[in-house]
Amino acid sequence: MDKEQQKHLVAVEMALLALGMPPNLKGFYYIKDAVWMLLQSGGHIGNKHIFERLTSRYGAPNSAIVKSMRTAIKVTFDRGCLLYTSDAA
């Protein structure tokens, strides 16, 4: 991975953190990698291929990856988007 790609990967991670997604959840990394795969493909990759790649990369079953991603999204939603809650305070 070159420096430009590394910079974009950090930008994806920072965006998830700005939304308030806790990085201590497995789903954070699954979502980060899924977004990165979408960006690299220019949006021309299907869900099936994303989950196949995540399954092979992490060695976790598809159902566990989906559950972890849903949990991360739910926790982020329940906490509220930090981008907006910090401006309102």
Protein backbone atom coordinates (compact mmCIF):
# COMPACT_ATOMS: atom_id res chain seq x y z
CA MET A 1 0.00 0.00 0.00
CA ASP A 2 1.48 3.32 -1.05
CA LYS A 3 1.34 6.55 0.92
CA GLU A 4 -1.67 7.89 -0.98
CA GLN A 5 -3.69 4.74 -0.27
CA GLN A 6 -2.60 4.85 3.36
CA LYS A 7 -3.80 8.45 3.59
CA HIS A 8 -7.22 7.47 2.21
CA LEU A 9 -7.51 4.54 4.61
CA VAL A 10 -6.79 6.86 7.53
CA ALA A 11 -9.43 9.25 6.18
CA VAL A 12 -12.01 6.44 6.22
CA GLU A 13 -11.04 5.59 9.79
CA MET A 14 -11.25 9.24 10.86
CA ALA A 15 -14.70 9.58 9.27
CA LEU A 16 -15.99 6.59 11.26
CA LEU A 17 -14.49 8.02 14.44
CA ALA A 18 -16.06 11.41 13.69
CA LEU A 19 -19.42 9.70 13.46
CA GLY A 20 -18.83 8.34 16.94
CA MET A 21 -18.21 4.71 16.02
CA PRO A 22 -16.12 3.14 18.79
CA PRO A 23 -12.93 1.53 17.48
CA ASN A 24 -13.00 -1.14 20.17
CA LEU A 25 -15.76 -2.98 18.29
CA LYS A 26 -14.88 -5.58 15.65
CA GLY A 27 -17.57 -4.11 13.42
CA PHE A 28 -15.58 -0.86 13.22
CA TYR A 29 -12.78 -2.66 11.35
CA TYR A 30 -15.17 -4.66 9.17
CA ILE A 31 -16.96 -1.47 8.13
CA LYS A 32 -13.67 0.37 7.60
CA ASP A 33 -12.44 -2.41 5.31
CA ALA A 34 -15.77 -2.62 3.47
CA VAL A 35 -15.76 1.13 2.78
CA TRP A 36 -12.14 0.91 1.68
CA MET A 37 -12.99 -1.93 -0.75
CA LEU A 38 -15.83 0.16 -2.17
CA LEU A 39 -13.53 3.15 -2.63
CA GLN A 40 -10.83 1.08 -4.30
CA SER A 41 -13.31 -0.47 -6.73
CA GLY A 42 -14.92 2.85 -7.56
CA GLY A 43 -18.21 1.57 -6.18
CA HIS A 44 -18.30 -1.36 -8.60
CA ILE A 45 -18.22 -4.21 -6.12
CA GLY A 46 -21.18 -6.11 -4.77
CA ASN A 47 -22.02 -7.01 -1.21
CA LYS A 48 -21.34 -10.67 -1.92
CA HIS A 49 -17.75 -9.94 -2.90
CA ILE A 50 -17.21 -7.62 0.05
CA PHE A 51 -18.38 -10.23 2.53
CA GLU A 52 -16.34 -12.96 0.81
CA ARG A 53 -13.21 -10.83 1.17
CA LEU A 54 -13.96 -9.95 4.80
CA THR A 55 -14.61 -13.60 5.61
CA SER A 56 -11.33 -14.72 4.07
CA ARG A 57 -9.34 -11.85 5.58
CA TYR A 58 -10.57 -12.21 9.15
CA GLY A 59 -11.41 -15.92 9.18
CA ALA A 60 -14.81 -15.22 10.71
CA PRO A 61 -18.12 -16.58 9.47
CA ASN A 62 -20.29 -14.28 7.38
CA SER A 63 -22.99 -14.21 10.06
CA ALA A 64 -20.51 -13.01 12.70
CA ILE A 65 -19.24 -10.24 10.43
CA VAL A 66 -22.78 -9.05 9.69
CA LYS A 67 -23.71 -9.12 13.38
CA SER A 68 -20.58 -7.17 14.36
CA MET A 69 -21.23 -4.56 11.69
CA ARG A 70 -24.84 -4.16 12.79
CA THR A 71 -23.77 -3.82 16.42
CA ALA A 72 -21.24 -1.11 15.53
CA ILE A 73 -23.86 0.80 13.54
CA LYS A 74 -26.44 0.46 16.32
CA VAL A 75 -24.01 1.65 19.00
CA THR A 76 -23.04 4.62 16.82
CA PHE A 77 -26.69 5.47 16.18
CA ASP A 78 -27.60 5.13 19.86
CA ARG A 79 -24.72 7.39 20.91
CA GLY A 80 -25.56 9.96 18.27
CA CYS A 81 -23.31 11.38 15.64
CA LEU A 82 -20.49 13.20 17.40
CA LEU A 83 -20.17 15.58 14.45
CA TYR A 84 -23.57 17.04 15.21
CA THR A 85 -23.88 16.61 18.96
CA SER A 86 -20.64 18.47 19.69
CA ASP A 87 -21.78 21.46 17.59
CA ALA A 88 -25.14 21.63 19.33
CA ALA A 89 -23.67 21.72 22.85
